[in-house]
Protein backbone atom coordinates (compact mmCIF):
# COMPACT_ATOMS: atom_id res chain seq x y z
CA MET A 1 179.50 358.25 141.67
CA ARG A 2 183.35 357.84 140.40
CA MET A 3 183.48 355.66 137.43
CA ARG A 4 185.63 352.50 138.01
CA LYS A 5 188.87 352.41 136.43
CA LYS A 6 188.71 350.12 133.14
CA LYS A 7 190.53 346.80 132.93
CA ASN A 8 193.60 347.32 131.05
CA LEU A 9 193.13 351.00 130.82
CA GLU A 10 196.97 351.83 130.48
CA PRO A 11 197.53 349.41 127.61
CA ARG A 12 194.40 350.49 125.82
CA LEU A 13 195.37 354.21 126.09
CA ALA A 14 199.05 353.31 124.76
CA ALA A 15 197.48 351.37 121.92
CA VAL A 16 195.66 354.45 120.73
CA ALA A 17 198.33 357.00 121.68
CA ASP A 18 198.61 358.39 118.05
CA TYR A 19 195.16 359.71 118.45
CA LEU A 20 195.55 361.47 121.96
CA LEU A 21 196.97 364.84 122.21
CA ASP A 22 199.06 365.94 124.96
CA ALA A 23 196.69 368.11 127.01
CA SER A 24 198.23 367.80 130.48
CA SER A 25 198.84 370.81 132.91
CA ASP A 26 201.10 370.79 135.85
CA ASP A 27 198.77 373.45 137.04
CA PRO A 28 195.19 372.35 138.29
CA ASN A 29 193.99 375.75 138.61
CA SER A 30 192.61 376.53 135.17
CA MET A 31 192.77 380.30 135.91
CA THR A 32 196.29 380.13 135.96
CA ALA A 33 197.40 377.03 134.01
CA VAL A 34 195.96 378.86 130.79
CA LEU A 35 198.39 381.56 131.12
CA GLU A 36 201.28 379.68 130.11
CA LYS A 37 200.47 378.67 126.39
CA ALA A 38 201.01 375.31 124.93
CA TYR A 39 199.40 375.69 121.56
CA PHE A 40 198.61 372.56 119.49
CA ASP A 41 200.32 372.85 116.31
CA TYR A 42 197.15 372.07 113.82
CA GLU A 43 199.37 371.29 110.65
CA ALA A 44 201.78 369.07 112.37
CA ILE A 45 198.98 367.19 113.97
CA PHE A 46 196.86 366.50 110.99
CA GLY A 47 199.15 367.06 108.11
CA ASN A 48 197.23 369.81 106.45
CA ASP A 49 195.82 373.24 106.90
CA HIS A 50 191.94 372.24 106.93
CA PRO A 51 189.58 373.70 109.15
CA VAL A 52 189.66 372.44 112.79
CA TRP A 53 186.46 371.66 114.53
CA LEU A 54 185.87 370.94 118.17
CA GLU A 55 183.54 368.60 120.24
CA ILE A 56 183.53 369.20 124.15
CA GLY A 57 182.37 366.10 125.83
CA CYS A 58 182.78 363.62 123.08
CA GLY A 59 181.63 360.50 125.23
CA LYS A 60 182.36 357.22 123.64
CA GLY A 61 182.75 358.96 120.26
CA GLN A 62 179.82 357.92 118.07
CA PHE A 63 179.07 361.35 116.90
CA ILE A 64 182.58 362.64 116.26
CA ALA A 65 183.58 359.41 114.51
CA GLU A 66 180.70 359.65 112.03
CA LEU A 67 181.21 363.28 111.53
CA ALA A 68 184.71 362.90 110.70
CA GLU A 69 183.99 359.93 108.38
CA ARG A 70 181.48 362.29 106.56
CA HIS A 71 183.54 365.14 106.08
CA PRO A 72 187.22 364.35 105.39
CA GLU A 73 187.80 367.92 104.23
CA ASN A 74 187.69 369.06 108.07
CA ASN A 75 189.81 368.20 111.02
CA TYR A 76 188.51 367.50 114.50
CA ILE A 77 189.57 367.58 118.22
CA ALA A 78 187.14 365.84 120.62
CA VAL A 79 187.72 366.72 124.17
CA GLU A 80 186.51 364.31 127.34
CA LYS A 81 187.49 364.72 130.75
CA VAL A 82 187.40 360.94 131.57
CA SER A 83 189.90 358.51 130.53
CA ASN A 84 187.71 355.61 130.73
CA VAL A 85 185.52 357.09 128.24
CA ILE A 86 187.99 358.77 125.84
CA VAL A 87 189.82 355.56 125.34
CA MET A 88 186.59 354.05 123.98
CA ALA A 89 186.35 357.09 121.59
CA ALA A 90 189.84 356.88 120.37
CA GLU A 91 189.42 353.14 119.60
CA ARG A 92 186.15 353.85 117.72
CA ALA A 93 188.36 356.12 115.27
CA LYS A 94 191.19 353.99 115.03
CA GLU A 95 188.81 351.08 114.12
CA LYS A 96 187.55 353.32 111.41
CA GLY A 97 191.05 354.33 110.19
CA LEU A 98 190.32 357.99 110.74
CA SER A 99 192.87 360.40 110.07
CA ASN A 100 191.18 363.70 110.64
CA VAL A 101 190.26 363.31 114.34
CA LYS A 102 192.18 363.54 117.64
CA PHE A 103 191.11 363.54 121.32
CA ALA A 104 192.38 365.60 124.15
CA LEU A 105 191.84 364.33 128.01
CA THR A 106 191.28 367.57 129.54
CA GLY A 107 188.25 370.09 130.61
CA ALA A 108 186.87 372.74 128.51
CA GLU A 109 188.15 375.20 131.21
CA PHE A 110 191.77 374.56 130.02
CA LEU A 111 191.14 374.93 126.37
CA PRO A 112 192.51 378.33 126.21
CA LYS A 113 196.06 376.97 127.00
CA PHE A 114 196.01 374.69 123.96
CA LEU A 115 193.77 376.19 121.20
CA PRO A 116 194.75 379.44 119.73
CA ASP A 117 192.28 382.31 119.63
CA HIS A 118 190.04 382.48 116.52
CA SER A 119 191.13 379.01 115.35
CA ILE A 120 188.07 376.89 115.60
CA ALA A 121 185.60 376.44 112.81
CA GLY A 122 182.84 375.39 114.89
CA ILE A 123 181.94 373.87 118.51
CA TYR A 124 179.61 371.06 119.31
CA LEU A 125 178.02 370.76 122.71
CA ASN A 126 176.17 367.34 122.52
CA PHE A 127 174.19 366.25 125.65
CA SER A 128 176.56 367.96 128.23
CA CYS A 129 175.70 367.35 131.99
CA PRO A 130 172.88 369.80 133.03
CA TYR A 131 173.92 370.02 136.49
CA PRO A 132 170.46 370.41 137.69
CA LYS A 133 171.31 371.59 140.96
CA GLY A 134 171.88 375.55 141.04
CA THR A 135 174.78 375.54 143.25
CA TYR A 136 176.68 373.77 140.25
CA LYS A 137 175.56 375.86 137.41
CA ASN A 138 179.15 377.36 136.98
CA HIS A 139 180.06 373.79 135.74
CA ARG A 140 177.59 373.88 132.87
CA LEU A 141 179.03 373.95 129.55
CA THR A 142 176.64 376.96 128.52
CA ASN A 143 177.44 378.96 131.51
CA ALA A 144 178.97 382.57 131.07
CA ARG A 145 182.45 381.31 131.92
CA TYR A 146 182.53 378.84 129.13
CA LEU A 147 180.83 381.14 126.75
CA GLY A 148 183.57 383.61 127.12
CA ILE A 149 186.02 380.76 126.27
CA TYR A 150 184.26 379.79 123.10
CA LYS A 151 183.81 383.62 121.91
CA ASP A 152 187.63 383.67 121.87
CA LEU A 153 188.18 380.45 120.13
CA LEU A 154 185.71 380.88 117.32
CA ALA A 155 187.00 381.70 113.92
CA PRO A 156 185.00 384.33 112.02
CA GLY A 157 181.69 382.73 110.90
CA ALA A 158 181.88 380.11 113.30
CA GLU A 159 178.91 378.82 115.33
CA VAL A 160 178.22 376.79 118.32
CA TYR A 161 175.89 373.64 118.07
CA GLN A 162 174.03 372.42 121.02
CA LYS A 163 171.80 369.37 121.56
CA THR A 164 170.24 368.12 124.72
CA ASP A 165 167.56 366.25 126.17
CA ASN A 166 166.77 368.35 129.28
CA MET A 167 164.19 371.46 128.83
CA HIS A 168 165.41 373.33 131.81
CA PHE A 169 169.08 373.28 130.56
CA PHE A 170 168.25 374.11 127.35
CA GLU A 171 166.00 377.08 128.43
CA TYR A 172 168.90 378.13 130.87
CA SER A 173 171.31 377.90 127.62
CA ILE A 174 169.18 380.19 125.45
CA GLU A 175 169.37 382.79 128.31
CA GLU A 176 173.15 382.33 128.67
CA PHE A 177 173.84 382.51 125.03
CA THR A 178 171.52 385.57 124.67
CA LYS A 179 173.09 387.42 127.81
CA ALA A 180 176.60 386.72 126.32
CA GLY A 181 175.69 388.30 123.16
CA PHE A 182 175.14 385.43 120.97
CA CYS A 183 172.43 385.12 118.37
CA LEU A 184 170.31 382.18 117.92
CA LYS A 185 168.92 380.28 114.74
CA ASN A 186 167.39 376.77 113.99
CA VAL A 187 166.18 376.42 117.29
CA SER A 188 164.38 373.10 117.61
CA LEU A 189 162.35 371.72 120.49
CA ASP A 190 161.67 368.49 118.95
CA LEU A 191 164.56 367.83 116.60
CA HIS A 192 163.53 364.22 115.48
CA ASN A 193 160.11 365.42 114.53
CA SER A 194 161.33 368.59 112.65
CA ASP A 195 162.72 368.77 108.96
CA PHE A 196 166.21 369.20 110.01
CA GLU A 197 168.62 367.30 107.80
CA GLY A 198 171.81 365.60 108.32
CA ASN A 199 171.37 365.04 112.17
CA ILE A 200 174.19 362.77 113.58
CA VAL A 201 172.61 360.57 116.53
CA THR A 202 174.88 360.36 119.62
CA GLU A 203 174.74 357.65 122.31
CA TYR A 204 172.53 359.44 124.53
CA GLU A 205 170.43 360.82 121.94
CA GLN A 206 169.67 357.27 120.74
CA ARG A 207 168.51 356.26 124.28
CA PHE A 208 166.57 359.30 125.04
CA ALA A 209 164.65 359.50 121.69
CA GLY A 210 164.07 355.74 122.00
CA GLN A 211 162.05 356.51 125.33
CA GLY A 212 160.11 359.01 123.20
CA LEU A 213 161.64 362.24 124.94
CA PRO A 214 162.14 365.30 122.59
CA ILE A 215 165.48 366.47 121.53
CA TYR A 216 166.26 369.99 121.80
CA ARG A 217 168.72 371.72 119.41
CA LEU A 218 170.12 375.38 118.47
CA GLU A 219 172.89 377.03 116.66
CA ALA A 220 174.52 379.91 118.15
CA TYR A 221 176.46 382.72 116.54
CA LEU A 222 178.39 385.97 117.07
CA PRO A 223 176.66 388.82 115.33
CA GLU A 224 180.17 389.92 113.91
CA ASN A 225 180.64 386.53 112.63
CA ARG A 226 177.87 386.56 110.04
C-alpha cells in the first residue's frame, strides 16, 4: 500500500533543508546512474574530518538520533527512500540540535553515486523489509547485489550491523553474508535476553520486543578488514 502524502510535507521538508543531502538523480536506473559520480564532500557537510557512519533505512530516526547524540565524535548519514518518513527523522534531529547527522532521500542501490569507496566506518541495517516473497529477494538489503555495494563502501576495519525480528530473513542474511565472503561475530538469536550492552532500540524493535518476539542481531566483517 502506498503511503499517503503527509499534510504540509513540502514546507516541513523545507524547514529541515539543512539536514537533507542532495541525493537526487536524473537517471532512474541505478546501474547507469552510479556511473556519473556526485560524491558528498564529508568535510564540507559536517565541518570536520570525523569518521562517517551509515544507516540504511532510518525510519523515523529514533535510532540514528540517539546514536548521534551518544557519539558526537562521529558523523552519520541516514538513508531513507520515503519522503513522508525521512522528514520525521530530520525533524527529530533538528529538535535535538544535532550537528553530526544528515539524511539522504535515496535507495541503497544509488549509494555508490554519492559515497566514495572505502569511506564508511560502519553500516547499520535495522529492521529492513524482509520481502518474504522469494520473487522479491533481490530487494532485500542483505541480497548479494547490496552486499557488493557495502564491500566497496566499507573502510578498513569497518563492519555491518544488522537487527531484525524476522527469523527467516535473518537466516537468509547469514547465508548471503557468508557467500559474499563476510565473517560473522556476536550473532544473537534473542538480543534482549543476551548480555549485549549498549543496544539502541528502534521504533520497530520497541514494538516487536513488546510483543515478546525475539530480536536477532549480527555483526559482519570482511577478513581483510580485521
